[in-house]
Amino acid sequence: MTDRQRDRPGVRAWFVVYLKGVAMGAADSVPGVSGGTIAFITGIYERLIAAVAALDPRAARHLLRIHSTKGRQSLKGHLLAMDIPFLVVLGTGVLTSIVAVSRLMHTAITTAPGLTGAFFFGLIGASAVVLRELLALDSPGRVAAGVVGFGTAFLVAGATRDTGGGDPILPIVFGAAAIAVSAMILPGVSGAFFLYLFGLYEHFTGELKAFVDGLIGLVTGTWTVEEVLAPATTVAVAGVGGLVGLLAFARLIRWALDNYRAATLTFLIALMVGSLRKPAGDVLGASANAGPMWLAGVLVAGTIGAGAVLALDHSTQSLTY
């Protein structure tokens, strides 16, 4: 794509970018499937990484001169240099899909936690399997990265499964969102994976669902502003955390991949393997008085999850990050 084409794309081109965002959002809404993989498949991975790396909050200083022609031209030039129109359209697609898919997943995880846990186990387990070729244990440093990744995920998964409790405080929401959004550019790992590992997946999807329902309720008169305030606060804090994650952690992740690629990928794969304790615990926790039909359902759900990842991997075998 030339600079001129990028600066003045047609409506159809922007709609295609939006649809690619929808696909990325759907992938990142479930643990184990990477939105980064979808970006690579659809041919926008390099542009996405370049745009994220180019984000510079200092461009906001031009807003002080927006009343002048020169100030508006400077602002426009910086926005185009950072590829902001592309990020906005792509991000809109991602958000649209996340809102839709997260509603479905929240219903699933609250009404059928065992079956949903089995589905997630299949997703995460198969993702670790398809990434096994990137696992490198040929040096003490890389072995240490794998041990730390597995141990960290195993301990965190156990803690979030065993403690439970009330809603997380806002600083935790902020930090989790920052990590989750940053993970969208990682190969093989989704933002939802980290939320699920931290035991926050159900809370995040529930708050997002309540926020959307509240906005609709305000329009129809069935919700009050006070009722919408709590989920709106959570969503706002998560949004700010996600933005901070893009501006800070995403660059750190890219630096790690550029300079310590093998160790970073080994850490991530080991993290996924260790995190399997979480869905396994969810399945076992829902297995009391389980009959043959329930066990069959667990096997089917796990197979569907694994099959989705394996099918995606089969279609992208010739692609590399």
C-alpha atoms as a PDB file:
ATOM      1  CA  MET A   1       0.000   0.000   0.000  1.00  0.00           C
ATOM      2  CA  THR A   2       1.436   3.397  -0.985  1.00  0.00           C
ATOM      3  CA  ASP A   3       1.383   6.443   1.318  1.00  0.00           C
ATOM      4  CA  ARG A   4      -1.141   8.121  -0.969  1.00  0.00           C
ATOM      5  CA  GLN A   5      -3.436   5.101  -0.880  1.00  0.00           C
ATOM      6  CA  ARG A   6      -3.118   4.941   2.887  1.00  0.00           C
ATOM      7  CA  ASP A   7      -3.946   8.620   3.325  1.00  0.00           C
ATOM      8  CA  ARG A   8      -7.005   8.563   1.078  1.00  0.00           C
ATOM      9  CA  PRO A   9      -8.576   5.103   1.136  1.00  0.00           C
ATOM     10  CA  GLY A  10     -12.126   4.584  -0.054  1.00  0.00           C
ATOM     11  CA  VAL A  11     -15.114   3.562   2.011  1.00  0.00           C
ATOM     12  CA  ARG A  12     -14.757  -0.048   0.872  1.00  0.00           C
ATOM     13  CA  ALA A  13     -11.129  -0.152   2.005  1.00  0.00           C
ATOM     14  CA  TRP A  14     -12.045   1.191   5.440  1.00  0.00           C
ATOM     15  CA  PHE A  15     -14.893  -1.319   5.714  1.00  0.00           C
ATOM     16  CA  VAL A  16     -12.422  -4.125   5.026  1.00  0.00           C
ATOM     17  CA  VAL A  17     -10.183  -2.796   7.807  1.00  0.00           C
ATOM     18  CA  TYR A  18     -13.224  -2.704  10.100  1.00  0.00           C
ATOM     19  CA  LEU A  19     -14.045  -6.339   9.287  1.00  0.00           C
ATOM     20  CA  LYS A  20     -10.460  -7.339  10.043  1.00  0.00           C
ATOM     21  CA  GLY A  21     -10.887  -5.633  13.401  1.00  0.00           C
ATOM     22  CA  VAL A  22     -14.065  -7.621  13.982  1.00  0.00           C
ATOM     23  CA  ALA A  23     -12.149 -10.850  13.341  1.00  0.00           C
ATOM     24  CA  MET A  24      -9.357  -9.770  15.699  1.00  0.00           C
ATOM     25  CA  GLY A  25     -11.842  -8.855  18.419  1.00  0.00           C
ATOM     26  CA  ALA A  26     -13.605 -12.204  18.148  1.00  0.00           C
ATOM     27  CA  ALA A  27     -10.274 -14.012  18.523  1.00  0.00           C
ATOM     28  CA  ASP A  28      -9.160 -11.920  21.492  1.00  0.00           C
ATOM     29  CA  SER A  29     -12.476 -12.404  23.287  1.00  0.00           C
ATOM     30  CA  VAL A  30     -11.702 -16.053  24.040  1.00  0.00           C
ATOM     31  CA  PRO A  31      -8.627 -17.426  25.845  1.00  0.00           C
ATOM     32  CA  GLY A  32      -6.092 -19.179  23.656  1.00  0.00           C
ATOM     33  CA  VAL A  33      -6.754 -17.614  20.256  1.00  0.00           C
ATOM     34  CA  SER A  34      -4.536 -14.708  19.243  1.00  0.00           C
ATOM     35  CA  GLY A  35      -5.822 -11.523  17.654  1.00  0.00           C
ATOM     36  CA  GLY A  36      -2.245 -11.049  16.492  1.00  0.00           C
ATOM     37  CA  THR A  37      -2.562 -14.240  14.474  1.00  0.00           C
ATOM     38  CA  ILE A  38      -5.702 -12.902  12.802  1.00  0.00           C
ATOM     39  CA  ALA A  39      -3.896  -9.645  12.043  1.00  0.00           C
ATOM     40  CA  PHE A  40      -1.102 -11.598  10.395  1.00  0.00           C
ATOM     41  CA  ILE A  41      -3.485 -13.748   8.369  1.00  0.00           C
ATOM     42  CA  THR A  42      -5.335 -10.684   7.100  1.00  0.00           C
ATOM     43  CA  GLY A  43      -2.123  -8.893   6.151  1.00  0.00           C
ATOM     44  CA  ILE A  44      -2.178  -6.012   8.639  1.00  0.00           C
ATOM     45  CA  TYR A  45       0.188  -7.294  11.361  1.00  0.00           C
ATOM     46  CA  GLU A  46       3.206  -5.212  10.340  1.00  0.00           C
ATOM     47  CA  ARG A  47       1.085  -2.094   9.842  1.00  0.00           C
ATOM     48  CA  LEU A  48      -0.555  -2.614  13.236  1.00  0.00           C
ATOM     49  CA  ILE A  49       2.781  -3.009  15.023  1.00  0.00           C
ATOM     50  CA  ALA A  50       4.206   0.038  13.236  1.00  0.00           C
ATOM     51  CA  ALA A  51       1.153   2.129  14.134  1.00  0.00           C
ATOM     52  CA  VAL A  52       1.246   1.074  17.803  1.00  0.00           C
ATOM     53  CA  ALA A  53       4.980   1.775  17.997  1.00  0.00           C
ATOM     54  CA  ALA A  54       4.445   5.210  16.434  1.00  0.00           C
ATOM     55  CA  LEU A  55       1.868   6.337  19.020  1.00  0.00           C
ATOM     56  CA  ASP A  56       3.151   9.483  20.705  1.00  0.00           C
ATOM     57  CA  PRO A  57       1.060  11.316  23.338  1.00  0.00           C
ATOM     58  CA  ARG A  58       3.105  14.456  22.659  1.00  0.00           C
ATOM     59  CA  ALA A  59       1.084  14.958  19.487  1.00  0.00           C
ATOM     60  CA  ALA A  60      -1.721  16.213  21.738  1.00  0.00           C
ATOM     61  CA  ARG A  61       0.182  19.485  22.149  1.00  0.00           C
ATOM     62  CA  HIS A  62      -1.063  20.489  18.705  1.00  0.00           C
ATOM     63  CA  LEU A  63      -4.583  20.666  20.141  1.00  0.00           C
ATOM     64  CA  LEU A  64      -3.533  23.934  21.770  1.00  0.00           C
ATOM     65  CA  ARG A  65      -3.133  25.435  18.295  1.00  0.00           C
ATOM     66  CA  ILE A  66      -6.146  23.843  16.662  1.00  0.00           C
ATOM     67  CA  HIS A  67      -7.745  27.268  16.270  1.00  0.00           C
ATOM     68  CA  SER A  68      -5.125  28.152  13.650  1.00  0.00           C
ATOM     69  CA  THR A  69      -4.718  26.708  10.169  1.00  0.00           C
ATOM     70  CA  LYS A  70      -1.092  25.813  10.828  1.00  0.00           C
ATOM     71  CA  GLY A  71      -2.018  24.104  14.086  1.00  0.00           C
ATOM     72  CA  ARG A  72      -4.714  22.006  12.407  1.00  0.00           C
ATOM     73  CA  GLN A  73      -2.314  21.044   9.623  1.00  0.00           C
ATOM     74  CA  SER A  74       0.326  20.024  12.151  1.00  0.00           C
ATOM     75  CA  LEU A  75      -2.183  17.946  14.098  1.00  0.00           C
ATOM     76  CA  LYS A  76      -3.425  16.253  10.933  1.00  0.00           C
ATOM     77  CA  GLY A  77       0.127  15.497   9.843  1.00  0.00           C
ATOM     78  CA  HIS A  78       0.990  13.848  13.157  1.00  0.00           C
ATOM     79  CA  LEU A  79      -2.238  11.840  13.219  1.00  0.00           C
ATOM     80  CA  LEU A  80      -1.570  10.523   9.731  1.00  0.00           C
ATOM     81  CA  ALA A  81       2.070   9.790  10.621  1.00  0.00           C
ATOM     82  CA  MET A  82       0.847   7.669  13.540  1.00  0.00           C
ATOM     83  CA  ASP A  83      -1.741   6.019  11.250  1.00  0.00           C
ATOM     84  CA  ILE A  84      -4.501   7.028  13.671  1.00  0.00           C
ATOM     85  CA  PRO A  85      -7.357   6.654  11.119  1.00  0.00           C
ATOM     86  CA  PHE A  86      -6.315   3.028  10.604  1.00  0.00           C
ATOM     87  CA  LEU A  87      -6.138   2.374  14.352  1.00  0.00           C
ATOM     88  CA  VAL A  88      -9.534   4.020  14.935  1.00  0.00           C
ATOM     89  CA  VAL A  89     -11.333   2.003  12.257  1.00  0.00           C
ATOM     90  CA  LEU A  90      -9.582  -1.231  13.233  1.00  0.00           C
ATOM     91  CA  GLY A  91     -10.210  -0.549  16.926  1.00  0.00           C
ATOM     92  CA  THR A  92     -13.893   0.096  16.256  1.00  0.00           C
ATOM     93  CA  GLY A  93     -14.151  -3.320  14.645  1.00  0.00           C
ATOM     94  CA  VAL A  94     -12.308  -4.923  17.557  1.00  0.00           C
ATOM     95  CA  LEU A  95     -14.593  -3.262  20.120  1.00  0.00           C
ATOM     96  CA  THR A  96     -17.742  -4.192  18.194  1.00  0.00           C
ATOM     97  CA  SER A  97     -16.744  -7.832  18.187  1.00  0.00           C
ATOM     98  CA  ILE A  98     -15.577  -7.852  21.810  1.00  0.00           C
ATOM     99  CA  VAL A  99     -18.940  -6.459  22.964  1.00  0.00           C
ATOM    100  CA  ALA A 100     -20.851  -9.110  21.010  1.00  0.00           C
ATOM    101  CA  VAL A 101     -18.663 -12.136  21.741  1.00  0.00           C
ATOM    102  CA  SER A 102     -18.085 -11.267  25.397  1.00  0.00           C
ATOM    103  CA  ARG A 103     -21.850 -11.278  25.997  1.00  0.00           C
ATOM    104  CA  LEU A 104     -22.050 -14.791  24.620  1.00  0.00           C
ATOM    105  CA  MET A 105     -19.041 -15.973  26.618  1.00  0.00           C
ATOM    106  CA  HIS A 106     -20.315 -14.397  29.832  1.00  0.00           C
ATOM    107  CA  THR A 107     -23.595 -16.265  29.476  1.00  0.00           C
ATOM    108  CA  ALA A 108     -21.677 -19.474  28.821  1.00  0.00           C
ATOM    109  CA  ILE A 109     -19.276 -19.156  31.748  1.00  0.00           C
ATOM    110  CA  THR A 110     -22.022 -18.251  34.231  1.00  0.00           C
ATOM    111  CA  THR A 111     -24.562 -20.876  33.158  1.00  0.00           C
ATOM    112  CA  ALA A 112     -22.217 -23.742  32.231  1.00  0.00           C
ATOM    113  CA  PRO A 113     -18.809 -23.167  33.904  1.00  0.00           C
ATOM    114  CA  GLY A 114     -17.701 -26.782  33.524  1.00  0.00           C
ATOM    115  CA  LEU A 115     -18.388 -26.989  29.813  1.00  0.00           C
ATOM    116  CA  THR A 116     -16.923 -23.530  29.245  1.00  0.00           C
ATOM    117  CA  GLY A 117     -13.835 -24.513  31.222  1.00  0.00           C
ATOM    118  CA  ALA A 118     -13.449 -27.572  28.995  1.00  0.00           C
ATOM    119  CA  PHE A 119     -13.784 -25.382  25.903  1.00  0.00           C
ATOM    120  CA  PHE A 120     -11.108 -23.020  27.238  1.00  0.00           C
ATOM    121  CA  PHE A 121      -8.877 -25.976  28.135  1.00  0.00           C
ATOM    122  CA  GLY A 122      -9.080 -27.132  24.527  1.00  0.00           C
ATOM    123  CA  LEU A 123      -8.344 -23.640  23.216  1.00  0.00           C
ATOM    124  CA  ILE A 124      -5.344 -23.006  25.471  1.00  0.00           C
ATOM    125  CA  GLY A 125      -3.942 -26.543  25.282  1.00  0.00           C
ATOM    126  CA  ALA A 126      -4.120 -26.671  21.498  1.00  0.00           C
ATOM    127  CA  SER A 127      -2.568 -23.220  21.251  1.00  0.00           C
ATOM    128  CA  ALA A 128       0.403 -24.424  23.300  1.00  0.00           C
ATOM    129  CA  VAL A 129       0.702 -27.483  21.066  1.00  0.00           C
ATOM    130  CA  VAL A 130       0.715 -25.547  17.787  1.00  0.00           C
ATOM    131  CA  LEU A 131       3.345 -23.186  19.183  1.00  0.00           C
ATOM    132  CA  ARG A 132       5.597 -26.002  20.406  1.00  0.00           C
ATOM    133  CA  GLU A 133       8.042 -25.465  17.541  1.00  0.00           C
ATOM    134  CA  LEU A 134       8.803 -22.023  18.990  1.00  0.00           C
ATOM    135  CA  LEU A 135       9.733 -23.545  22.355  1.00  0.00           C
ATOM    136  CA  ALA A 136      13.492 -23.254  22.925  1.00  0.00           C
ATOM    137  CA  LEU A 137      15.184 -24.990  25.865  1.00  0.00           C
ATOM    138  CA  ASP A 138      18.708 -24.948  24.482  1.00  0.00           C
ATOM    139  CA  SER A 139      20.289 -22.573  27.000  1.00  0.00           C
ATOM    140  CA  PRO A 140      20.087 -22.004  30.764  1.00  0.00           C
ATOM    141  CA  GLY A 141      18.411 -18.629  30.239  1.00  0.00           C
ATOM    142  CA  ARG A 142      15.676 -20.070  28.039  1.00  0.00           C
ATOM    143  CA  VAL A 143      15.122 -22.978  30.405  1.00  0.00           C
ATOM    144  CA  ALA A 144      14.785 -20.457  33.238  1.00  0.00           C
ATOM    145  CA  ALA A 145      12.279 -18.455  31.180  1.00  0.00           C
ATOM    146  CA  GLY A 146      10.195 -21.603  30.671  1.00  0.00           C
ATOM    147  CA  VAL A 147      10.329 -22.549  34.351  1.00  0.00           C
ATOM    148  CA  VAL A 148       9.352 -19.034  35.445  1.00  0.00           C
ATOM    149  CA  GLY A 149       6.513 -18.906  32.908  1.00  0.00           C
ATOM    150  CA  PHE A 150       5.075 -22.274  33.912  1.00  0.00           C
ATOM    151  CA  GLY A 151       5.501 -21.691  37.636  1.00  0.00           C
ATOM    152  CA  THR A 152       3.991 -18.214  37.540  1.00  0.00           C
ATOM    153  CA  ALA A 153       0.921 -19.321  35.599  1.00  0.00           C
ATOM    154  CA  PHE A 154       0.442 -22.448  37.716  1.00  0.00           C
ATOM    155  CA  LEU A 155       0.548 -20.485  40.973  1.00  0.00           C
ATOM    156  CA  VAL A 156      -1.634 -17.630  39.685  1.00  0.00           C
ATOM    157  CA  ALA A 157      -4.180 -20.070  38.232  1.00  0.00           C
ATOM    158  CA  GLY A 158      -4.377 -21.897  41.549  1.00  0.00           C
ATOM    159  CA  ALA A 159      -4.767 -18.692  43.539  1.00  0.00           C
ATOM    160  CA  THR A 160      -7.526 -17.275  41.342  1.00  0.00           C
ATOM    161  CA  ARG A 161      -9.339 -20.605  41.333  1.00  0.00           C
ATOM    162  CA  ASP A 162      -9.198 -21.129  45.072  1.00  0.00           C
ATOM    163  CA  THR A 163      -9.781 -17.660  46.530  1.00  0.00           C
ATOM    164  CA  GLY A 164     -12.723 -16.272  44.600  1.00  0.00           C
ATOM    165  CA  GLY A 165     -14.204 -13.356  46.519  1.00  0.00           C
ATOM    166  CA  GLY A 166     -15.817 -10.101  45.572  1.00  0.00           C
ATOM    167  CA  ASP A 167     -15.232  -7.723  42.728  1.00  0.00           C
ATOM    168  CA  PRO A 168     -11.626  -6.634  42.129  1.00  0.00           C
ATOM    169  CA  ILE A 169     -10.559  -3.132  43.098  1.00  0.00           C
ATOM    170  CA  LEU A 170     -10.106  -0.601  40.294  1.00  0.00           C
ATOM    171  CA  PRO A 171      -6.264  -0.609  40.318  1.00  0.00           C
ATOM    172  CA  ILE A 172      -6.363  -4.341  39.602  1.00  0.00           C
ATOM    173  CA  VAL A 173      -8.861  -3.722  36.803  1.00  0.00           C
ATOM    174  CA  PHE A 174      -6.521  -1.066  35.406  1.00  0.00           C
ATOM    175  CA  GLY A 175      -3.454  -3.324  35.467  1.00  0.00           C
ATOM    176  CA  ALA A 176      -5.233  -6.369  34.084  1.00  0.00           C
ATOM    177  CA  ALA A 177      -6.672  -4.355  31.196  1.00  0.00           C
ATOM    178  CA  ALA A 178      -3.241  -2.906  30.402  1.00  0.00           C
ATOM    179  CA  ILE A 179      -1.744  -6.392  30.163  1.00  0.00           C
ATOM    180  CA  ALA A 180      -4.711  -7.815  28.248  1.00  0.00           C
ATOM    181  CA  VAL A 181      -4.703  -5.115  25.565  1.00  0.00           C
ATOM    182  CA  SER A 182      -0.930  -5.368  25.161  1.00  0.00           C
ATOM    183  CA  ALA A 183      -1.304  -9.109  24.623  1.00  0.00           C
ATOM    184  CA  MET A 184      -3.335  -8.492  21.472  1.00  0.00           C
ATOM    185  CA  ILE A 185      -0.088  -8.059  19.505  1.00  0.00           C
ATOM    186  CA  LEU A 186       1.505 -11.234  20.862  1.00  0.00           C
ATOM    187  CA  PRO A 187       1.660 -14.343  18.658  1.00  0.00           C
ATOM    188  CA  GLY A 188      -0.498 -17.143  19.985  1.00  0.00           C
ATOM    189  CA  VAL A 189      -1.797 -15.364  23.104  1.00  0.00           C
ATOM    190  CA  SER A 190      -5.030 -13.386  23.458  1.00  0.00           C
ATOM    191  CA  GLY A 191      -5.957 -10.648  25.872  1.00  0.00           C
ATOM    192  CA  ALA A 192      -8.773 -12.819  27.213  1.00  0.00           C
ATOM    193  CA  PHE A 193      -6.184 -15.455  28.123  1.00  0.00           C
ATOM    194  CA  PHE A 194      -4.618 -13.155  30.726  1.00  0.00           C
ATOM    195  CA  LEU A 195      -7.990 -12.076  32.082  1.00  0.00           C
ATOM    196  CA  TYR A 196      -8.945 -15.724  32.459  1.00  0.00           C
ATOM    197  CA  LEU A 197      -5.601 -16.564  34.075  1.00  0.00           C
ATOM    198  CA  PHE A 198      -6.057 -13.743  36.588  1.00  0.00           C
ATOM    199  CA  GLY A 199      -9.570 -14.952  37.393  1.00  0.00           C
ATOM    200  CA  LEU A 200     -11.088 -11.739  36.028  1.00  0.00           C
ATOM    201  CA  TYR A 201     -12.639 -12.969  32.790  1.00  0.00           C
ATOM    202  CA  GLU A 202     -16.150 -13.407  34.179  1.00  0.00           C
ATOM    203  CA  HIS A 203     -15.983 -10.045  35.952  1.00  0.00           C
ATOM    204  CA  PHE A 204     -14.807  -8.152  32.851  1.00  0.00           C
ATOM    205  CA  THR A 205     -17.359  -9.722  30.526  1.00  0.00           C
ATOM    206  CA  GLY A 206     -20.111  -9.187  33.080  1.00  0.00           C
ATOM    207  CA  GLU A 207     -19.255  -5.508  33.599  1.00  0.00           C
ATOM    208  CA  LEU A 208     -19.070  -4.906  29.853  1.00  0.00           C
ATOM    209  CA  LYS A 209     -22.440  -6.611  29.381  1.00  0.00           C
ATOM    210  CA  ALA A 210     -23.957  -4.543  32.202  1.00  0.00           C
ATOM    211  CA  PHE A 211     -22.532  -1.328  30.744  1.00  0.00           C
ATOM    212  CA  VAL A 212     -24.002  -1.980  27.291  1.00  0.00           C
ATOM    213  CA  ASP A 213     -27.323  -3.026  28.815  1.00  0.00           C
ATOM    214  CA  GLY A 214     -27.237   0.136  30.911  1.00  0.00           C
ATOM    215  CA  LEU A 215     -26.692   2.390  27.913  1.00  0.00           C
ATOM    216  CA  ILE A 216     -29.652   0.769  26.188  1.00  0.00           C
ATOM    217  CA  GLY A 217     -31.631   1.066  29.405  1.00  0.00           C
ATOM    218  CA  LEU A 218     -30.916   4.786  29.650  1.00  0.00           C
ATOM    219  CA  VAL A 219     -32.338   5.265  26.172  1.00  0.00           C
ATOM    220  CA  THR A 220     -35.432   3.171  26.886  1.00  0.00           C
ATOM    221  CA  GLY A 221     -35.888   4.532  30.402  1.00  0.00           C
ATOM    222  CA  THR A 222     -35.487   1.180  32.192  1.00  0.00           C
ATOM    223  CA  TRP A 223     -32.129   2.051  33.827  1.00  0.00           C
ATOM    224  CA  THR A 224     -31.095   5.034  35.920  1.00  0.00           C
ATOM    225  CA  VAL A 225     -27.792   6.892  35.753  1.00  0.00           C
ATOM    226  CA  GLU A 226     -26.899   5.562  39.200  1.00  0.00           C
ATOM    227  CA  GLU A 227     -27.359   1.980  38.031  1.00  0.00           C
ATOM    228  CA  VAL A 228     -25.079   2.502  35.055  1.00  0.00           C
ATOM    229  CA  LEU A 229     -22.387   4.303  37.051  1.00  0.00           C
ATOM    230  CA  ALA A 230     -20.694   1.204  38.523  1.00  0.00           C
ATOM    231  CA  PRO A 231     -20.172  -0.764  35.273  1.00  0.00           C
ATOM    232  CA  ALA A 232     -19.369   2.475  33.448  1.00  0.00           C
ATOM    233  CA  THR A 233     -16.587   3.194  35.952  1.00  0.00           C
ATOM    234  CA  THR A 234     -15.117  -0.278  35.480  1.00  0.00           C
ATOM    235  CA  VAL A 235     -15.239   0.011  31.697  1.00  0.00           C
ATOM    236  CA  ALA A 236     -13.680   3.492  31.801  1.00  0.00           C
ATOM    237  CA  VAL A 237     -10.837   2.365  34.077  1.00  0.00           C
ATOM    238  CA  ALA A 238     -10.260  -0.687  31.878  1.00  0.00           C
ATOM    239  CA  GLY A 239     -10.206   1.536  28.797  1.00  0.00           C
ATOM    240  CA  VAL A 240      -7.591   3.844  30.289  1.00  0.00           C
ATOM    241  CA  GLY A 241      -5.576   0.834  31.413  1.00  0.00           C
ATOM    242  CA  GLY A 242      -5.731  -0.619  27.921  1.00  0.00           C
ATOM    243  CA  LEU A 243      -4.507   2.660  26.428  1.00  0.00           C
ATOM    244  CA  VAL A 244      -1.612   2.783  28.879  1.00  0.00           C
ATOM    245  CA  GLY A 245      -0.823  -0.810  27.977  1.00  0.00           C
ATOM    246  CA  LEU A 246      -0.640   0.074  24.295  1.00  0.00           C
ATOM    247  CA  LEU A 247       1.629   3.044  24.945  1.00  0.00           C
ATOM    248  CA  ALA A 248       3.923   1.299  27.437  1.00  0.00           C
ATOM    249  CA  PHE A 249       3.795  -2.474  27.650  1.00  0.00           C
ATOM    250  CA  ALA A 250       3.341  -3.020  23.933  1.00  0.00           C
ATOM    251  CA  ARG A 251       6.705  -1.404  23.238  1.00  0.00           C
ATOM    252  CA  LEU A 252       8.299  -3.484  25.971  1.00  0.00           C
ATOM    253  CA  ILE A 253       6.831  -6.635  24.456  1.00  0.00           C
ATOM    254  CA  ARG A 254       8.130  -5.739  21.015  1.00  0.00           C
ATOM    255  CA  TRP A 255      11.561  -5.004  22.502  1.00  0.00           C
ATOM    256  CA  ALA A 256      11.580  -8.407  24.213  1.00  0.00           C
ATOM    257  CA  LEU A 257      10.537 -10.159  21.002  1.00  0.00           C
ATOM    258  CA  ASP A 258      13.142  -8.277  18.966  1.00  0.00           C
ATOM    259  CA  ASN A 259      16.017  -8.875  21.390  1.00  0.00           C
ATOM    260  CA  TYR A 260      15.116 -12.065  23.260  1.00  0.00           C
ATOM    261  CA  ARG A 261      12.648 -13.697  20.908  1.00  0.00           C
ATOM    262  CA  ALA A 262      13.321 -17.343  21.802  1.00  0.00           C
ATOM    263  CA  ALA A 263      13.264 -16.763  25.557  1.00  0.00           C
ATOM    264  CA  THR A 264      10.135 -14.576  25.333  1.00  0.00           C
ATOM    265  CA  LEU A 265       8.215 -17.122  23.275  1.00  0.00           C
ATOM    266  CA  THR A 266       9.367 -19.938  25.563  1.00  0.00           C
ATOM    267  CA  PHE A 267       8.074 -17.948  28.535  1.00  0.00           C
ATOM    268  CA  LEU A 268       4.711 -17.398  26.832  1.00  0.00           C
ATOM    269  CA  ILE A 269       4.260 -21.029  25.819  1.00  0.00           C
ATOM    270  CA  ALA A 270       5.188 -22.229  29.310  1.00  0.00           C
ATOM    271  CA  LEU A 271       2.758 -19.657  30.696  1.00  0.00           C
ATOM    272  CA  MET A 272      -0.018 -21.198  28.627  1.00  0.00           C
ATOM    273  CA  VAL A 273       0.813 -24.722  29.777  1.00  0.00           C
ATOM    274  CA  GLY A 274       0.906 -23.682  33.429  1.00  0.00           C
ATOM    275  CA  SER A 275      -2.385 -21.844  33.091  1.00  0.00           C
ATOM    276  CA  LEU A 276      -4.199 -25.066  32.164  1.00  0.00           C
ATOM    277  CA  ARG A 277      -4.651 -25.523  35.900  1.00  0.00           C
ATOM    278  CA  LYS A 278      -7.372 -22.848  35.749  1.00  0.00           C
ATOM    279  CA  PRO A 279      -9.791 -24.479  33.235  1.00  0.00           C
ATOM    280  CA  ALA A 280      -9.014 -27.919  34.644  1.00  0.00           C
ATOM    281  CA  GLY A 281     -10.036 -26.643  38.070  1.00  0.00           C
ATOM    282  CA  ASP A 282     -13.222 -25.144  36.649  1.00  0.00           C
ATOM    283  CA  VAL A 283     -14.150 -28.477  35.097  1.00  0.00           C
ATOM    284  CA  LEU A 284     -13.413 -30.408  38.283  1.00  0.00           C
ATOM    285  CA  GLY A 285     -15.280 -27.854  40.370  1.00  0.00           C
ATOM    286  CA  ALA A 286     -18.425 -28.401  38.298  1.00  0.00           C
ATOM    287  CA  SER A 287     -18.127 -32.192  38.165  1.00  0.00           C
ATOM    288  CA  ALA A 288     -19.963 -32.995  41.393  1.00  0.00           C
ATOM    289  CA  ASN A 289     -22.649 -35.591  40.724  1.00  0.00           C
ATOM    290  CA  ALA A 290     -21.790 -35.415  37.019  1.00  0.00           C
ATOM    291  CA  GLY A 291     -23.316 -38.099  34.844  1.00  0.00           C
ATOM    292  CA  PRO A 292     -22.218 -39.677  31.573  1.00  0.00           C
ATOM    293  CA  MET A 293     -23.984 -37.032  29.493  1.00  0.00           C
ATOM    294  CA  TRP A 294     -22.156 -34.218  31.278  1.00  0.00           C
ATOM    295  CA  LEU A 295     -18.816 -35.954  30.831  1.00  0.00           C
ATOM    296  CA  ALA A 296     -19.571 -36.431  27.143  1.00  0.00           C
ATOM    297  CA  GLY A 297     -20.394 -32.736  26.914  1.00  0.00           C
ATOM    298  CA  VAL A 298     -17.043 -31.846  28.505  1.00  0.00           C
ATOM    299  CA  LEU A 299     -15.200 -33.963  25.950  1.00  0.00           C
ATOM    300  CA  VAL A 300     -17.137 -32.403  23.095  1.00  0.00           C
ATOM    301  CA  ALA A 301     -16.543 -28.848  24.386  1.00  0.00           C
ATOM    302  CA  GLY A 302     -12.815 -29.499  24.786  1.00  0.00           C
ATOM    303  CA  THR A 303     -12.621 -31.048  21.340  1.00  0.00           C
ATOM    304  CA  ILE A 304     -14.402 -28.084  19.764  1.00  0.00           C
ATOM    305  CA  GLY A 305     -11.995 -25.665  21.443  1.00  0.00           C
ATOM    306  CA  ALA A 306      -8.927 -27.608  20.356  1.00  0.00           C
ATOM    307  CA  GLY A 307     -10.342 -28.167  16.874  1.00  0.00           C
ATOM    308  CA  ALA A 308     -10.883 -24.447  16.330  1.00  0.00           C
ATOM    309  CA  VAL A 309      -7.233 -23.703  17.111  1.00  0.00           C
ATOM    310  CA  LEU A 310      -5.920 -26.623  15.052  1.00  0.00           C
ATOM    311  CA  ALA A 311      -8.061 -25.577  12.081  1.00  0.00           C
ATOM    312  CA  LEU A 312      -6.693 -22.040  12.336  1.00  0.00           C
ATOM    313  CA  ASP A 313      -3.155 -23.385  12.562  1.00  0.00           C
ATOM    314  CA  HIS A 314      -3.692 -25.607   9.521  1.00  0.00           C
ATOM    315  CA  SER A 315      -4.765 -22.607   7.468  1.00  0.00           C
ATOM    316  CA  THR A 316      -1.698 -20.602   8.511  1.00  0.00           C
ATOM    317  CA  GLN A 317       1.074 -23.207   8.468  1.00  0.00           C
ATOM    318  CA  SER A 318       3.102 -21.251   5.929  1.00  0.00           C
ATOM    319  CA  LEU A 319       2.943 -18.012   7.915  1.00  0.00           C
ATOM    320  CA  THR A 320       5.569 -16.826  10.377  1.00  0.00           C
ATOM    321  CA  TYR A 321       5.770 -13.795  12.638  1.00  0.00           C
END
